[in-house]
Amino acid sequence: MGKLFLEHPGGRRLYACASCMTVLTNKRSLVSTTFHGMSGSAYLFNSVVNVLRGDSRTTDMRTGRHIVRDVYCKRCQKYVGWTYEYAMSADQRYKEGMYVLECFYIMQLQSAVKD
């Protein structure tokens, strides 16, 4: 197996995989804290790093029908949320390309790096 390369999104307030503490995103990328996943509360981010994407699938959600991909931590490969590929409804298209990370699978960290 090759060497695993991880990115760092920068910033002091970080969100990481709760399983292995790999950094996934930062506070500046946070768009909304009012989303819900299978495990409960979830956050919407406009960008994440260090994730692997699963296969596309069509799913019915509270806000309508979407094409999504599950996302997994790049280091431990545990599920952390999903990304929106396409929204069938025009009023939901703002979510396309964004990520929802479920709070149960992530944790907030404080970095020594300044914002």
Protein backbone atom coordinates (compact mmCIF):
# COMPACT_ATOMS: atom_id res chain seq x y z
CA MET A 1 0.00 0.00 0.00
CA GLY A 2 1.25 3.49 -0.87
CA LYS A 3 1.71 6.44 1.41
CA LEU A 4 -1.50 8.24 2.43
CA PHE A 5 -1.44 11.98 1.70
CA LEU A 6 -3.82 14.16 3.70
CA GLU A 7 -4.69 17.82 3.12
CA HIS A 8 -5.21 20.51 5.73
CA PRO A 9 -7.99 23.07 5.09
CA GLY A 10 -6.34 25.76 7.25
CA GLY A 11 -7.92 27.69 10.10
CA ARG A 12 -8.18 27.20 13.86
CA ARG A 13 -11.66 25.70 14.21
CA LEU A 14 -11.62 22.36 12.47
CA TYR A 15 -14.00 19.46 12.01
CA ALA A 16 -12.50 15.97 11.98
CA CYS A 17 -13.51 12.33 11.69
CA ALA A 18 -14.63 11.20 15.16
CA SER A 19 -13.10 7.77 14.57
CA CYS A 20 -9.50 8.69 13.64
CA MET A 21 -9.39 12.52 14.06
CA THR A 22 -8.43 13.15 10.41
CA VAL A 23 -9.23 16.79 9.60
CA LEU A 24 -12.11 17.11 7.13
CA THR A 25 -12.99 20.82 6.97
CA ASN A 26 -12.96 24.10 8.88
CA LYS A 27 -15.41 26.59 10.37
CA ARG A 28 -15.10 28.96 7.37
CA SER A 29 -16.61 26.25 5.13
CA LEU A 30 -19.66 25.85 7.37
CA VAL A 31 -22.85 26.93 5.57
CA SER A 32 -25.64 25.62 7.83
CA THR A 33 -26.13 23.72 11.10
CA THR A 34 -29.79 22.87 10.48
CA PHE A 35 -29.46 19.68 8.44
CA HIS A 36 -30.43 16.15 9.48
CA GLY A 37 -28.92 12.77 8.65
CA MET A 38 -29.71 9.18 9.54
CA SER A 39 -27.93 9.59 12.90
CA GLY A 40 -29.45 12.99 13.81
CA SER A 41 -28.04 16.50 13.43
CA ALA A 42 -25.78 17.31 10.51
CA TYR A 43 -23.93 20.34 9.11
CA LEU A 44 -23.71 21.60 5.53
CA PHE A 45 -20.22 22.59 4.30
CA ASN A 46 -19.17 24.09 0.98
CA SER A 47 -15.88 22.16 0.92
CA VAL A 48 -14.19 19.22 2.64
CA VAL A 49 -10.85 17.43 2.25
CA ASN A 50 -9.59 13.94 3.02
CA VAL A 51 -12.73 12.09 1.97
CA LEU A 52 -13.53 9.31 -0.46
CA ARG A 53 -16.78 9.40 -2.42
CA GLY A 54 -19.05 6.42 -2.97
CA ASP A 55 -21.21 5.66 -5.98
CA SER A 56 -23.97 8.06 -7.07
CA ARG A 57 -27.49 7.17 -6.03
CA THR A 58 -30.90 8.80 -6.24
CA THR A 59 -32.64 9.33 -2.93
CA ASP A 60 -35.78 10.98 -1.59
CA MET A 61 -35.03 13.43 1.22
CA ARG A 62 -37.12 15.87 3.25
CA THR A 63 -36.41 18.56 0.67
CA GLY A 64 -37.12 16.42 -2.40
CA ARG A 65 -35.33 14.04 -4.72
CA HIS A 66 -31.53 14.32 -5.03
CA ILE A 67 -28.61 12.48 -6.55
CA VAL A 68 -26.02 12.05 -3.78
CA ARG A 69 -22.80 10.20 -2.98
CA ASP A 70 -21.89 8.96 0.47
CA VAL A 71 -18.55 10.28 1.74
CA TYR A 72 -16.05 8.37 3.86
CA CYS A 73 -12.96 9.39 5.80
CA LYS A 74 -9.88 8.92 3.63
CA ARG A 75 -7.82 7.49 6.52
CA CYS A 76 -10.19 5.05 8.30
CA GLN A 77 -12.85 4.78 5.55
CA LYS A 78 -15.73 5.25 8.01
CA TYR A 79 -18.92 6.92 6.78
CA VAL A 80 -19.10 10.64 7.69
CA GLY A 81 -21.90 12.02 5.47
CA TRP A 82 -22.78 12.69 1.85
CA THR A 83 -22.35 15.15 -1.00
CA TYR A 84 -25.05 16.52 -3.27
CA GLU A 85 -24.45 15.76 -6.94
CA TYR A 86 -27.75 17.04 -8.32
CA ALA A 87 -31.06 18.38 -6.99
CA MET A 88 -34.19 17.67 -9.01
CA SER A 89 -35.90 20.79 -7.66
CA ALA A 90 -34.56 24.17 -8.83
CA ASP A 91 -34.90 25.73 -5.36
CA GLN A 92 -32.56 23.06 -3.92
CA ARG A 93 -29.78 23.43 -6.52
CA TYR A 94 -27.73 25.65 -4.19
CA LYS A 95 -26.72 22.39 -2.40
CA GLU A 96 -25.05 20.89 -5.46
CA GLY A 97 -21.35 20.29 -4.83
CA MET A 98 -21.76 20.81 -1.07
CA TYR A 99 -21.24 18.27 1.69
CA VAL A 100 -23.34 17.22 4.67
CA LEU A 101 -21.33 15.79 7.56
CA GLU A 102 -23.31 14.04 10.28
CA CYS A 103 -22.48 15.29 13.78
CA PHE A 104 -22.40 11.76 15.18
CA TYR A 105 -19.42 10.95 12.92
CA ILE A 106 -17.41 14.16 13.28
CA MET A 107 -15.87 16.20 16.09
CA GLN A 108 -14.76 19.79 16.44
CA LEU A 109 -11.05 20.46 17.04
CA GLN A 110 -9.09 23.58 17.92
CA SER A 111 -5.87 23.98 15.94
CA ALA A 112 -2.75 25.89 16.97
CA VAL A 113 -2.72 27.47 13.48
CA LYS A 114 -4.14 31.01 13.38
CA ASP A 115 -7.18 31.82 11.17
